Amino acid sequence: MLRYIIMRIIYMIPTLFGISIIAFVIIQLPPGDYVTSLIASMSDSGQAFDPTEIARLREIYGFDDPIYVQYYKWISGILLHGDFGQSFEWKRPVSELIWERMGATLAVSVASLLFVWAVSLPIGIYSAVKRHSLGDHVFTFFGFLGLAIPNFILALTLMYFSYKVMGQSVGGLFSPEYAHAEWSWGKLIDLLAHLWIPVVVIGTAGTASLIRILRANLTDELNKPYYVTARAKGLHPTKALLKYPVRIALNPFVSAIGWVLPNLISGVTITAIVLNLPTAGPLLLRALISQDMYLAGSFILLMGVLTLIGMLVSDILLAMLDPRIRFDQ
């Protein structure tokens, strides 16, 4: 296993290099740059702009340099100094903007992931064992409902319910009195009181999807000879179920880690905008719109890194969970 992990990490190095090139090229594809976007926004608002100032900005930001020169400045700063560059729009280091959003992003995403697993695992097992029962049909109905309802519609509905019925302030992760306060038990409780809405909204579609996947996989495993043999030998039904078929059917849960990590940044942008969440998704969207290339490129590069890490962790856990998977194959 150790040799496999080392080789995977070595293979990740050229992959990350390729991702960095693709990320930088992607943000350069739209016509113009940050300065042209700034000119357009100033023109729309009726503000005048000084051509001399525009030329000075282009020289400072290096927009007149060839793309390979701009890429070299960006990637060399990351590798040699850990400097992701300066955000054009925010006039702040990109690393500060990214990491100050990662706390809220991590809290919402991890809580949503735990919610998805905690709900979908028992329901999926029940639906497979009690297939075509009344409970299975009820869960199937709500599962399809969860897949069909857009997240932002569900977010608006829960926000209205929270405000009208529970009298709770909606939007964001904190009440106004706790938004900029120091951490305390009161602030933690306020966070938990606000966290349930984004967790339910974000986790609904994933829960419904994993329930259907687990139900289908577990139904197939329940008909396999190894499970029938274990039951015939007198093994307790619950023990036989959890020890063998459920363990194999859990592969989709583990393999989901590969896309969960990059989803921390980009997966729930619309929901975050509707709920006014201080997460990374809205910041990435704003950077793409304003063509803030260092901020947008760093986000895309970070998503690539998280994807590779997630796939590595997923492969290792799958091999530990499923004895049929071997690293030497």
Protein backbone atom coordinates (compact mmCIF):
# COMPACT_ATOMS: atom_id res chain seq x y z
CA MET A 1 0.00 0.00 0.00
CA LEU A 2 2.83 2.40 0.86
CA ARG A 3 4.39 1.95 -2.58
CA TYR A 4 1.01 2.60 -4.20
CA ILE A 5 0.51 5.82 -2.22
CA ILE A 6 4.02 7.06 -3.05
CA MET A 7 3.55 6.36 -6.75
CA ARG A 8 0.18 8.12 -6.76
CA ILE A 9 1.71 11.19 -5.11
CA ILE A 10 4.51 11.20 -7.70
CA TYR A 11 1.96 10.99 -10.51
CA MET A 12 0.07 13.91 -8.94
CA ILE A 13 2.98 16.31 -9.53
CA PRO A 14 2.80 16.46 -13.38
CA THR A 15 -1.00 16.32 -13.13
CA LEU A 16 -1.01 19.39 -10.91
CA PHE A 17 1.34 21.13 -13.32
CA GLY A 18 -1.07 20.41 -16.17
CA ILE A 19 -4.04 21.57 -14.09
CA SER A 20 -2.27 24.86 -13.32
CA ILE A 21 -1.70 25.48 -17.05
CA ILE A 22 -5.30 24.62 -17.92
CA ALA A 23 -6.63 26.78 -15.08
CA PHE A 24 -4.60 29.79 -16.20
CA VAL A 25 -5.57 29.32 -19.85
CA ILE A 26 -9.26 28.97 -18.98
CA ILE A 27 -9.40 32.28 -17.15
CA GLN A 28 -7.64 33.94 -20.11
CA LEU A 29 -10.13 32.62 -22.69
CA PRO A 30 -12.84 35.32 -22.30
CA PRO A 31 -12.06 38.43 -24.38
CA GLY A 32 -10.43 41.28 -22.50
CA ASP A 33 -9.13 41.29 -18.95
CA TYR A 34 -9.85 42.88 -15.57
CA VAL A 35 -9.08 46.37 -16.85
CA THR A 36 -11.52 46.05 -19.76
CA SER A 37 -14.16 44.74 -17.33
CA LEU A 38 -13.45 47.74 -15.10
CA ILE A 39 -13.83 50.13 -18.04
CA ALA A 40 -17.13 48.49 -19.02
CA SER A 41 -18.52 48.79 -15.50
CA MET A 42 -17.43 52.43 -15.27
CA SER A 43 -19.05 53.19 -18.62
CA ASP A 44 -22.32 51.53 -17.55
CA SER A 45 -22.42 53.65 -14.39
CA GLY A 46 -21.64 56.85 -16.33
CA GLN A 47 -18.19 57.34 -14.80
CA ALA A 48 -15.33 58.75 -16.83
CA PHE A 49 -12.00 56.96 -17.00
CA ASP A 50 -8.56 58.37 -17.64
CA PRO A 51 -6.68 56.60 -20.51
CA THR A 52 -3.39 57.35 -18.75
CA GLU A 53 -4.60 55.61 -15.61
CA ILE A 54 -5.84 52.66 -17.65
CA ALA A 55 -2.43 52.31 -19.32
CA ARG A 56 -0.76 52.48 -15.91
CA LEU A 57 -3.00 49.73 -14.55
CA ARG A 58 -2.27 47.50 -17.54
CA GLU A 59 1.44 47.95 -16.98
CA ILE A 60 1.20 47.30 -13.23
CA TYR A 61 -0.86 44.15 -13.66
CA GLY A 62 1.23 42.94 -16.61
CA PHE A 63 -1.73 42.44 -18.94
CA ASP A 64 0.38 43.44 -21.95
CA ASP A 65 2.86 40.63 -21.27
CA PRO A 66 2.55 37.34 -23.21
CA ILE A 67 0.41 34.70 -21.50
CA TYR A 68 3.40 32.47 -20.77
CA VAL A 69 5.12 35.35 -18.95
CA GLN A 70 2.01 35.98 -16.87
CA TYR A 71 1.75 32.26 -16.08
CA TYR A 72 5.42 32.08 -15.08
CA LYS A 73 5.04 35.00 -12.66
CA TRP A 74 1.97 33.39 -11.11
CA ILE A 75 3.23 29.81 -10.76
CA SER A 76 6.73 30.81 -9.66
CA GLY A 77 5.24 32.97 -6.90
CA ILE A 78 3.18 29.99 -5.72
CA LEU A 79 6.03 27.47 -5.82
CA LEU A 80 8.84 29.67 -4.49
CA HIS A 81 7.06 31.99 -2.07
CA GLY A 82 3.58 30.54 -1.49
CA ASP A 83 2.22 33.75 -3.01
CA PHE A 84 -0.95 33.28 -5.07
CA GLY A 85 -0.86 36.86 -6.27
CA GLN A 86 -2.89 39.95 -5.57
CA SER A 87 -6.61 40.21 -6.21
CA PHE A 88 -7.29 43.05 -8.66
CA GLU A 89 -10.80 43.73 -7.42
CA TRP A 90 -10.27 43.32 -3.68
CA LYS A 91 -6.73 44.79 -3.58
CA ARG A 92 -5.74 42.03 -1.14
CA PRO A 93 -3.58 38.89 -1.30
CA VAL A 94 -5.46 35.98 -2.88
CA SER A 95 -4.40 33.61 -0.10
CA GLU A 96 -6.13 35.79 2.51
CA LEU A 97 -9.37 35.90 0.53
CA ILE A 98 -9.37 32.13 0.03
CA TRP A 99 -8.58 31.06 3.57
CA GLU A 100 -10.97 33.47 5.27
CA ARG A 101 -13.79 31.80 3.32
CA MET A 102 -12.65 28.22 3.89
CA GLY A 103 -13.83 28.08 7.52
CA ALA A 104 -17.49 28.69 6.66
CA THR A 105 -17.16 26.56 3.52
CA LEU A 106 -15.74 23.65 5.48
CA ALA A 107 -18.39 23.91 8.21
CA VAL A 108 -21.30 23.90 5.75
CA SER A 109 -19.89 21.19 3.49
CA VAL A 110 -18.80 18.77 6.23
CA ALA A 111 -22.12 19.17 8.04
CA SER A 112 -23.96 18.56 4.76
CA LEU A 113 -21.88 15.46 4.05
CA LEU A 114 -22.57 14.03 7.52
CA PHE A 115 -26.26 14.78 7.05
CA VAL A 116 -26.29 12.98 3.69
CA TRP A 117 -24.58 9.88 5.11
CA ALA A 118 -26.63 9.82 8.33
CA VAL A 119 -29.94 9.97 6.45
CA SER A 120 -29.23 8.01 3.26
CA LEU A 121 -27.45 5.03 4.88
CA PRO A 122 -30.29 3.74 7.13
CA ILE A 123 -33.00 4.62 4.60
CA GLY A 124 -31.10 2.94 1.76
CA ILE A 125 -30.62 -0.24 3.82
CA TYR A 126 -34.27 -0.25 4.85
CA SER A 127 -35.48 0.27 1.28
CA ALA A 128 -33.32 -2.61 0.02
CA VAL A 129 -34.31 -5.05 2.78
CA LYS A 130 -38.01 -4.04 2.71
CA ARG A 131 -38.21 -3.64 -1.04
CA HIS A 132 -41.66 -2.73 -2.43
CA SER A 133 -43.05 -2.21 1.07
CA LEU A 134 -45.10 0.85 2.02
CA GLY A 135 -42.07 2.46 3.66
CA ASP A 136 -39.96 1.83 0.57
CA HIS A 137 -42.57 3.50 -1.65
CA VAL A 138 -42.79 6.49 0.72
CA PHE A 139 -39.00 6.96 0.79
CA THR A 140 -38.84 6.52 -2.99
CA PHE A 141 -41.46 9.25 -3.43
CA PHE A 142 -39.60 11.71 -1.22
CA GLY A 143 -36.32 10.71 -2.88
CA PHE A 144 -37.60 11.63 -6.33
CA LEU A 145 -39.10 14.80 -4.84
CA GLY A 146 -35.70 15.73 -3.43
CA LEU A 147 -34.07 15.19 -6.81
CA ALA A 148 -36.73 17.19 -8.65
CA ILE A 149 -36.88 20.32 -6.46
CA PRO A 150 -34.12 22.84 -7.27
CA ASN A 151 -31.96 23.72 -4.29
CA PHE A 152 -32.65 27.46 -4.49
CA ILE A 153 -36.44 26.87 -4.41
CA LEU A 154 -36.05 24.69 -1.33
CA ALA A 155 -33.78 27.35 0.20
CA LEU A 156 -36.37 30.08 -0.30
CA THR A 157 -39.10 27.85 1.14
CA LEU A 158 -37.12 27.00 4.27
CA MET A 159 -36.11 30.64 4.73
CA TYR A 160 -39.79 31.67 4.64
CA PHE A 161 -40.73 28.88 7.04
CA SER A 162 -37.90 29.77 9.41
CA TYR A 163 -38.85 33.43 9.50
CA LYS A 164 -42.64 33.07 9.68
CA VAL A 165 -42.99 30.04 11.95
CA MET A 166 -39.81 30.04 14.06
CA GLY A 167 -39.15 33.78 14.07
CA GLN A 168 -35.50 33.20 13.18
CA SER A 169 -33.43 35.65 11.15
CA VAL A 170 -32.70 34.22 7.74
CA GLY A 171 -29.65 34.43 5.53
CA GLY A 172 -26.04 33.99 6.51
CA LEU A 173 -24.65 31.75 9.22
CA PHE A 174 -25.01 34.13 12.17
CA SER A 175 -27.49 36.58 13.61
CA PRO A 176 -26.49 40.26 13.28
CA GLU A 177 -25.34 40.46 16.91
CA TYR A 178 -22.99 37.48 16.45
CA ALA A 179 -21.72 38.19 12.94
CA HIS A 180 -18.54 39.95 14.07
CA ALA A 181 -18.41 38.83 17.69
CA GLU A 182 -15.69 36.70 19.27
CA TRP A 183 -16.29 32.96 19.48
CA SER A 184 -18.34 31.86 22.47
CA TRP A 185 -20.96 29.26 23.36
CA GLY A 186 -23.64 31.72 22.33
CA LYS A 187 -22.08 32.21 18.91
CA LEU A 188 -21.69 28.45 18.45
CA ILE A 189 -25.33 27.84 19.32
CA ASP A 190 -26.34 30.66 16.95
CA LEU A 191 -24.27 29.02 14.19
CA LEU A 192 -25.98 25.66 14.75
CA ALA A 193 -29.37 27.40 14.69
CA HIS A 194 -28.59 28.86 11.25
CA LEU A 195 -26.66 25.90 9.88
CA TRP A 196 -29.59 23.52 9.53
CA ILE A 197 -31.11 25.38 6.56
CA PRO A 198 -28.06 25.20 4.25
CA VAL A 199 -27.35 21.64 5.44
CA VAL A 200 -30.85 20.44 4.55
CA VAL A 201 -30.89 22.34 1.26
CA ILE A 202 -27.46 21.20 0.12
CA GLY A 203 -27.87 17.65 1.39
CA THR A 204 -31.31 16.95 -0.04
CA ALA A 205 -30.29 16.10 -3.60
CA GLY A 206 -27.24 14.12 -2.49
CA THR A 207 -29.31 12.19 0.06
CA ALA A 208 -31.94 11.25 -2.49
CA SER A 209 -29.32 10.14 -5.00
CA LEU A 210 -27.33 8.00 -2.55
CA ILE A 211 -30.51 6.34 -1.25
CA ARG A 212 -31.32 5.15 -4.76
CA ILE A 213 -27.74 4.01 -5.39
CA LEU A 214 -27.44 2.15 -2.08
CA ARG A 215 -30.85 0.54 -2.54
CA ALA A 216 -29.94 -0.76 -6.00
CA ASN A 217 -26.47 -2.00 -4.98
CA LEU A 218 -27.64 -3.64 -1.78
CA THR A 219 -30.55 -5.34 -3.54
CA ASP A 220 -28.07 -6.99 -5.91
CA GLU A 221 -25.80 -8.06 -3.04
CA LEU A 222 -28.66 -9.64 -1.09
CA ASN A 223 -29.10 -12.18 -3.88
CA LYS A 224 -25.42 -13.16 -4.04
CA PRO A 225 -24.42 -16.72 -2.99
CA TYR A 226 -22.10 -15.54 -0.19
CA TYR A 227 -24.97 -13.85 1.64
CA VAL A 228 -27.34 -16.76 1.12
CA THR A 229 -24.65 -19.12 2.42
CA ALA A 230 -23.99 -16.95 5.49
CA ARG A 231 -27.69 -16.96 6.32
CA ALA A 232 -27.92 -20.73 5.72
CA LYS A 233 -25.08 -21.32 8.21
CA GLY A 234 -27.15 -19.66 10.91
CA LEU A 235 -25.46 -16.25 11.08
CA HIS A 236 -27.73 -13.64 12.67
CA PRO A 237 -29.60 -11.73 9.91
CA THR A 238 -28.48 -8.29 11.13
CA LYS A 239 -24.86 -9.36 11.53
CA ALA A 240 -24.83 -11.07 8.15
CA LEU A 241 -26.37 -7.99 6.53
CA LEU A 242 -23.97 -5.46 8.02
CA LYS A 243 -20.83 -7.59 7.75
CA TYR A 244 -21.09 -8.59 4.10
CA PRO A 245 -23.58 -6.99 1.63
CA VAL A 246 -23.76 -3.57 3.31
CA ARG A 247 -19.97 -3.37 3.41
CA ILE A 248 -19.77 -4.00 -0.33
CA ALA A 249 -22.69 -1.69 -1.12
CA LEU A 250 -20.99 1.19 0.75
CA ASN A 251 -18.56 1.71 -2.14
CA PRO A 252 -20.55 4.67 -3.55
CA PHE A 253 -20.34 6.45 -0.19
CA VAL A 254 -16.56 6.13 -0.10
CA SER A 255 -16.05 6.92 -3.78
CA ALA A 256 -18.07 10.12 -3.26
CA ILE A 257 -15.11 11.61 -1.39
CA GLY A 258 -13.42 12.24 -4.74
CA TRP A 259 -15.99 14.83 -5.74
CA VAL A 260 -16.97 16.03 -2.26
CA LEU A 261 -13.68 17.87 -1.66
CA PRO A 262 -13.78 20.08 -4.79
CA ASN A 263 -17.48 20.51 -4.16
CA LEU A 264 -16.49 22.38 -0.98
CA ILE A 265 -15.69 25.35 -3.20
CA SER A 266 -17.86 25.31 -6.30
CA GLY A 267 -20.73 22.90 -5.81
CA VAL A 268 -23.40 25.02 -4.11
CA THR A 269 -22.79 28.49 -5.44
CA ILE A 270 -26.41 29.32 -6.27
CA THR A 271 -27.61 28.09 -2.88
CA ALA A 272 -24.88 30.09 -1.15
CA ILE A 273 -25.94 33.24 -3.01
CA VAL A 274 -29.62 32.73 -2.12
CA LEU A 275 -28.82 32.06 1.53
CA ASN A 276 -26.12 34.77 1.66
CA LEU A 277 -23.52 32.29 2.91
CA PRO A 278 -19.92 33.54 3.30
CA THR A 279 -18.51 30.54 1.44
CA ALA A 280 -16.03 30.23 -1.40
CA GLY A 281 -18.50 29.64 -4.24
CA PRO A 282 -19.88 33.21 -4.55
CA LEU A 283 -16.34 34.62 -4.35
CA LEU A 284 -15.23 32.35 -7.20
CA LEU A 285 -18.24 33.40 -9.30
CA ARG A 286 -17.51 37.08 -8.69
CA ALA A 287 -13.84 36.56 -9.62
CA LEU A 288 -14.84 34.90 -12.90
CA ILE A 289 -17.27 37.68 -13.78
CA SER A 290 -14.77 40.45 -13.05
CA GLN A 291 -11.92 38.46 -14.68
CA ASP A 292 -9.86 38.64 -11.51
CA MET A 293 -7.48 36.08 -12.97
CA TYR A 294 -5.22 35.37 -9.99
CA LEU A 295 -8.17 34.84 -7.64
CA ALA A 296 -10.14 32.75 -10.13
CA GLY A 297 -7.09 30.77 -11.22
CA SER A 298 -6.12 30.00 -7.63
CA PHE A 299 -9.64 28.72 -6.90
CA ILE A 300 -9.57 26.47 -9.97
CA LEU A 301 -6.10 25.20 -9.05
CA LEU A 302 -7.28 24.51 -5.49
CA MET A 303 -10.25 22.52 -6.82
CA GLY A 304 -7.85 20.44 -8.90
CA VAL A 305 -5.67 19.75 -5.88
CA LEU A 306 -8.69 18.79 -3.78
CA THR A 307 -9.94 16.49 -6.55
CA LEU A 308 -6.63 14.62 -6.69
CA ILE A 309 -6.45 14.34 -2.90
CA GLY A 310 -10.06 13.19 -2.76
CA MET A 311 -9.48 10.51 -5.39
CA LEU A 312 -6.39 9.25 -3.54
CA VAL A 313 -8.24 9.05 -0.22
CA SER A 314 -11.21 7.43 -1.96
CA ASP A 315 -9.04 4.74 -3.59
CA ILE A 316 -7.30 3.91 -0.31
CA LEU A 317 -10.57 3.66 1.64
CA LEU A 318 -12.17 1.57 -1.10
CA ALA A 319 -9.31 -0.92 -0.94
CA MET A 320 -9.67 -1.12 2.84
CA LEU A 321 -13.44 -1.53 2.62
CA ASP A 322 -13.67 -3.99 -0.29
CA PRO A 323 -11.30 -7.00 -0.13
CA ARG A 324 -11.77 -7.55 -3.88
CA ILE A 325 -9.75 -4.39 -4.60
CA ARG A 326 -5.98 -4.81 -4.57
CA PHE A 327 -3.26 -2.19 -5.02
CA ASP A 328 -1.04 -4.51 -7.03
CA GLN A 329 -3.58 -5.07 -9.80
